[in-house]
Amino acid sequence: MTSPPDTLTAKPETGRREQAKAERRDKIVRAARDLIRETGDMNLSMRMIAKRAEVSVATFYNLFGSKRAVVMAVLEDERDFLQKYQKLKVSNAIDRIFEAHKLAYGYFVQDPDFYRPLWRALLDASSKDETGLVSAERQAQTRAAWIALLTQAQDEGYIRADIELPLLERTLSYLAGGALLSWTVENLRTEDLMPSVGLGYATLLSGSATPKGARHLEPRIAEYRGMLSQVH
């Protein structure tokens, strides 16, 4: 028994359509990324992005639906942080915190023209348009990841048992947010960003550390102080 002709050709045709759709999506994401780098501006019109990607505005809407969706796709496409984070080889929770810090801030240092405008949008929780990317869900995910790291450090005996980890996480978050805000408005140089936040983390954690934790944090403090002294 033979299959009808339309059944024989359905899968290849569907595959070609999906491939073409993926290619158009990638073109739009690349166009948005390039325009952000070139202009330093997140306030890009859909028409501008579509023109750079050489697709119609209708195609833009069909594939993404909104400018915010493209911005989120650009962010997720650029950030392969999770995969790299899972491959980190560390021997203790303190090292994991600071290696994750270096990995995350390495993106900003390597490509500031792209990440500065993205972080302006990420830090703008009151945005009236679709470029404000801070959401309750995103904040909750970030907090949960940090508390998990701190819990591991506490369980391994690096942070004192009496320390309230949610309060410690919130303080670390305020420090990082202040540094990133200063960086996005160019009051903090790119070469100072990673060591400044790292020194702040290490100093804050030292106040909550056990003697064992303090011994692990002292080299981190010395490392970041040295980095900051070299760039001034």
Protein backbone atom coordinates (compact mmCIF):
# COMPACT_ATOMS: atom_id res chain seq x y z
CA MET A 1 0.00 0.00 0.00
CA THR A 2 1.44 3.35 -1.03
CA SER A 3 1.02 6.68 0.77
CA PRO A 4 -0.73 9.58 -0.92
CA PRO A 5 1.64 12.12 -2.51
CA ASP A 6 0.75 14.88 0.00
CA THR A 7 1.71 12.62 2.90
CA LEU A 8 5.07 11.84 1.31
CA THR A 9 5.95 15.51 0.89
CA ALA A 10 4.45 16.94 4.09
CA LYS A 11 7.40 16.39 6.41
CA PRO A 12 10.13 17.75 4.10
CA GLU A 13 7.98 20.79 3.29
CA THR A 14 7.28 21.41 6.98
CA GLY A 15 10.98 21.09 7.74
CA ARG A 16 11.89 23.67 5.10
CA ARG A 17 9.30 26.10 6.44
CA GLU A 18 10.58 25.73 9.99
CA GLN A 19 14.16 26.20 8.84
CA ALA A 20 13.24 29.35 6.93
CA LYS A 21 11.38 30.66 9.97
CA ALA A 22 14.40 29.99 12.20
CA GLU A 23 16.68 31.76 9.73
CA ARG A 24 14.44 34.84 9.67
CA ARG A 25 14.28 34.81 13.45
CA ASP A 26 18.08 34.70 13.68
CA LYS A 27 18.37 37.59 11.20
CA ILE A 28 16.05 39.70 13.34
CA VAL A 29 17.96 38.90 16.54
CA ARG A 30 21.30 39.70 14.89
CA ALA A 31 19.90 42.94 13.49
CA ALA A 32 18.62 44.03 16.91
CA ARG A 33 21.93 43.15 18.55
CA ASP A 34 23.93 45.10 15.95
CA LEU A 35 21.67 48.14 16.23
CA ILE A 36 21.95 48.14 20.03
CA ARG A 37 25.75 48.07 19.75
CA GLU A 38 25.82 50.82 17.13
CA THR A 39 23.33 53.19 18.72
CA GLY A 40 23.64 52.38 22.42
CA ASP A 41 19.87 52.66 22.50
CA MET A 42 17.20 50.13 23.43
CA ASN A 43 14.45 52.34 22.04
CA LEU A 44 14.55 50.76 18.60
CA SER A 45 11.45 50.68 16.47
CA MET A 46 10.18 47.44 15.03
CA ARG A 47 10.40 49.00 11.59
CA MET A 48 14.08 49.85 12.12
CA ILE A 49 14.93 46.30 13.21
CA ALA A 50 12.91 44.76 10.39
CA LYS A 51 14.64 46.97 7.82
CA ARG A 52 18.11 45.97 9.09
CA ALA A 53 17.09 42.30 9.05
CA GLU A 54 15.65 42.67 5.54
CA VAL A 55 12.27 41.29 6.54
CA SER A 56 8.82 42.84 6.53
CA VAL A 57 7.26 44.34 9.65
CA ALA A 58 4.54 41.69 9.28
CA THR A 59 7.20 38.96 9.50
CA PHE A 60 8.62 40.67 12.60
CA TYR A 61 5.19 40.58 14.26
CA ASN A 62 4.52 37.00 13.22
CA LEU A 63 7.81 35.72 14.65
CA PHE A 64 8.04 37.80 17.82
CA GLY A 65 4.88 39.81 18.39
CA SER A 66 6.59 42.69 20.18
CA LYS A 67 9.85 44.58 20.54
CA ARG A 68 10.22 43.32 24.10
CA ALA A 69 10.17 39.72 22.83
CA VAL A 70 13.07 40.53 20.49
CA VAL A 71 15.03 42.18 23.29
CA MET A 72 14.51 39.12 25.48
CA ALA A 73 15.60 36.88 22.61
CA VAL A 74 18.74 38.99 22.13
CA LEU A 75 19.54 38.72 25.82
CA GLU A 76 19.01 34.97 25.97
CA ASP A 77 20.85 34.42 22.69
CA GLU A 78 23.91 36.30 23.94
CA ARG A 79 23.94 34.79 27.40
CA ASP A 80 25.11 31.18 27.47
CA PHE A 81 25.91 31.75 31.13
CA LEU A 82 23.94 28.80 32.47
CA GLN A 83 25.74 26.23 30.33
CA LYS A 84 29.14 27.62 31.27
CA TYR A 85 28.16 27.93 34.93
CA GLN A 86 27.18 24.27 35.07
CA LYS A 87 30.64 23.35 33.76
CA LEU A 88 32.53 25.28 36.44
CA LYS A 89 35.01 23.08 38.27
CA VAL A 90 35.33 24.30 41.84
CA SER A 91 36.13 22.62 45.13
CA ASN A 92 33.97 24.68 47.48
CA ALA A 93 31.00 27.04 47.65
CA ILE A 94 33.08 30.21 48.09
CA ASP A 95 34.99 29.50 44.89
CA ARG A 96 31.70 28.82 43.11
CA ILE A 97 30.35 32.23 44.11
CA PHE A 98 33.38 34.09 42.81
CA GLU A 99 33.89 32.01 39.69
CA ALA A 100 30.24 32.61 38.82
CA HIS A 101 30.83 36.32 39.43
CA LYS A 102 33.83 36.37 37.08
CA LEU A 103 31.91 34.45 34.43
CA ALA A 104 28.88 36.76 34.57
CA TYR A 105 30.81 40.03 34.59
CA GLY A 106 33.13 38.81 31.86
CA TYR A 107 30.28 39.32 29.40
CA PHE A 108 30.01 42.99 30.32
CA VAL A 109 33.74 43.60 30.14
CA GLN A 110 34.11 41.92 26.74
CA ASP A 111 31.19 43.70 25.08
CA PRO A 112 30.24 46.88 26.99
CA ASP A 113 28.65 48.57 23.98
CA PHE A 114 26.07 45.80 23.87
CA TYR A 115 25.48 45.12 27.56
CA ARG A 116 25.33 48.72 28.82
CA PRO A 117 22.06 49.52 27.03
CA LEU A 118 20.66 46.10 27.91
CA TRP A 119 21.35 46.72 31.58
CA ARG A 120 19.83 50.17 31.39
CA ALA A 121 16.65 48.38 30.39
CA LEU A 122 17.07 45.61 32.96
CA LEU A 123 17.50 48.14 35.77
CA ASP A 124 14.56 50.24 34.62
CA ALA A 125 11.67 48.59 36.44
CA SER A 126 9.41 51.60 35.82
CA SER A 127 9.74 51.68 32.05
CA LYS A 128 6.55 52.78 30.29
CA ASP A 129 7.30 50.83 27.13
CA GLU A 130 8.32 47.29 26.32
CA THR A 131 12.04 47.70 27.03
CA GLY A 132 11.77 47.42 30.81
CA LEU A 133 12.90 43.86 31.43
CA VAL A 134 12.78 43.62 35.21
CA SER A 135 9.90 41.42 36.29
CA ALA A 136 8.87 39.81 39.54
CA GLU A 137 9.56 36.40 38.03
CA ARG A 138 13.08 37.33 36.91
CA GLN A 139 13.87 38.89 40.28
CA ALA A 140 12.59 35.80 42.11
CA GLN A 141 14.71 33.48 39.94
CA THR A 142 17.83 35.54 40.57
CA ARG A 143 17.21 35.68 44.31
CA ALA A 144 16.59 31.93 44.48
CA ALA A 145 19.85 31.18 42.64
CA TRP A 146 21.84 33.42 44.97
CA ILE A 147 20.24 32.03 48.11
CA ALA A 148 21.05 28.52 46.88
CA LEU A 149 24.72 29.51 46.52
CA LEU A 150 24.77 31.09 49.98
CA THR A 151 22.99 28.09 51.50
CA GLN A 152 25.67 25.81 50.07
CA ALA A 153 28.37 28.05 51.55
CA GLN A 154 26.63 27.97 54.92
CA ASP A 155 26.19 24.19 54.79
CA GLU A 156 29.90 23.79 54.04
CA GLY A 157 30.82 25.90 57.06
CA TYR A 158 31.99 29.08 55.31
CA ILE A 159 29.11 31.32 56.47
CA ARG A 160 28.01 31.46 60.11
CA ALA A 161 24.88 29.50 61.00
CA ASP A 162 23.24 32.55 62.61
CA ILE A 163 23.34 34.60 59.40
CA GLU A 164 19.96 35.26 57.76
CA LEU A 165 20.69 34.35 54.15
CA PRO A 166 17.79 36.26 52.53
CA LEU A 167 19.04 39.46 54.18
CA LEU A 168 22.61 38.75 53.08
CA GLU A 169 21.45 38.06 49.53
CA ARG A 170 19.49 41.30 49.43
CA THR A 171 22.53 43.29 50.59
CA LEU A 172 24.74 41.69 47.94
CA SER A 173 22.08 42.46 45.34
CA TYR A 174 21.97 46.13 46.35
CA LEU A 175 25.74 46.34 46.02
CA ALA A 176 25.75 44.78 42.54
CA GLY A 177 22.80 46.87 41.40
CA GLY A 178 24.48 50.09 42.50
CA ALA A 179 27.69 49.18 40.70
CA LEU A 180 25.83 48.22 37.52
CA LEU A 181 23.83 51.43 37.63
CA SER A 182 27.05 53.45 37.95
CA TRP A 183 28.51 51.49 35.05
CA THR A 184 25.52 51.93 32.77
CA VAL A 185 25.65 55.72 33.18
CA GLU A 186 29.46 55.56 32.74
CA ASN A 187 30.38 56.69 36.24
CA LEU A 188 32.26 53.42 36.70
CA ARG A 189 34.82 52.31 34.14
CA THR A 190 34.40 48.92 32.52
CA GLU A 191 37.79 47.73 33.75
CA ASP A 192 36.76 48.62 37.32
CA LEU A 193 33.38 46.89 37.23
CA MET A 194 34.28 43.25 37.93
CA PRO A 195 36.89 43.90 40.67
CA SER A 196 34.72 46.55 42.33
CA VAL A 197 31.76 44.20 42.68
CA GLY A 198 34.05 41.31 43.59
CA LEU A 199 35.71 43.34 46.36
CA GLY A 200 32.30 44.36 47.65
CA TYR A 201 31.08 40.76 47.67
CA ALA A 202 34.19 39.50 49.46
CA THR A 203 34.07 42.28 52.04
CA LEU A 204 30.39 41.75 52.81
CA LEU A 205 30.79 37.99 52.99
CA SER A 206 33.74 38.40 55.35
CA GLY A 207 31.43 40.03 57.87
CA SER A 208 29.24 36.92 57.80
CA ALA A 209 32.00 34.32 57.51
CA THR A 210 33.27 31.70 59.88
CA PRO A 211 37.04 31.63 60.48
CA LYS A 212 37.22 28.98 57.76
CA GLY A 213 35.29 31.22 55.38
CA ALA A 214 37.41 34.26 56.25
CA ARG A 215 40.56 32.36 55.29
CA HIS A 216 39.07 31.64 51.86
CA LEU A 217 37.92 35.22 51.39
CA GLU A 218 41.21 36.94 52.27
CA PRO A 219 42.89 35.96 48.97
CA ARG A 220 39.84 37.18 47.06
CA ILE A 221 40.00 40.57 48.79
CA ALA A 222 43.72 40.85 48.02
CA GLU A 223 43.12 39.83 44.39
CA TYR A 224 40.44 42.47 43.76
CA ARG A 225 42.35 45.19 45.59
CA GLY A 226 45.33 44.42 43.40
CA MET A 227 43.24 44.61 40.24
CA LEU A 228 41.81 47.99 41.25
CA SER A 229 45.20 49.41 42.16
CA GLN A 230 46.57 48.41 38.75
CA VAL A 231 43.94 50.35 36.80
CA HIS A 232 44.30 53.61 38.72
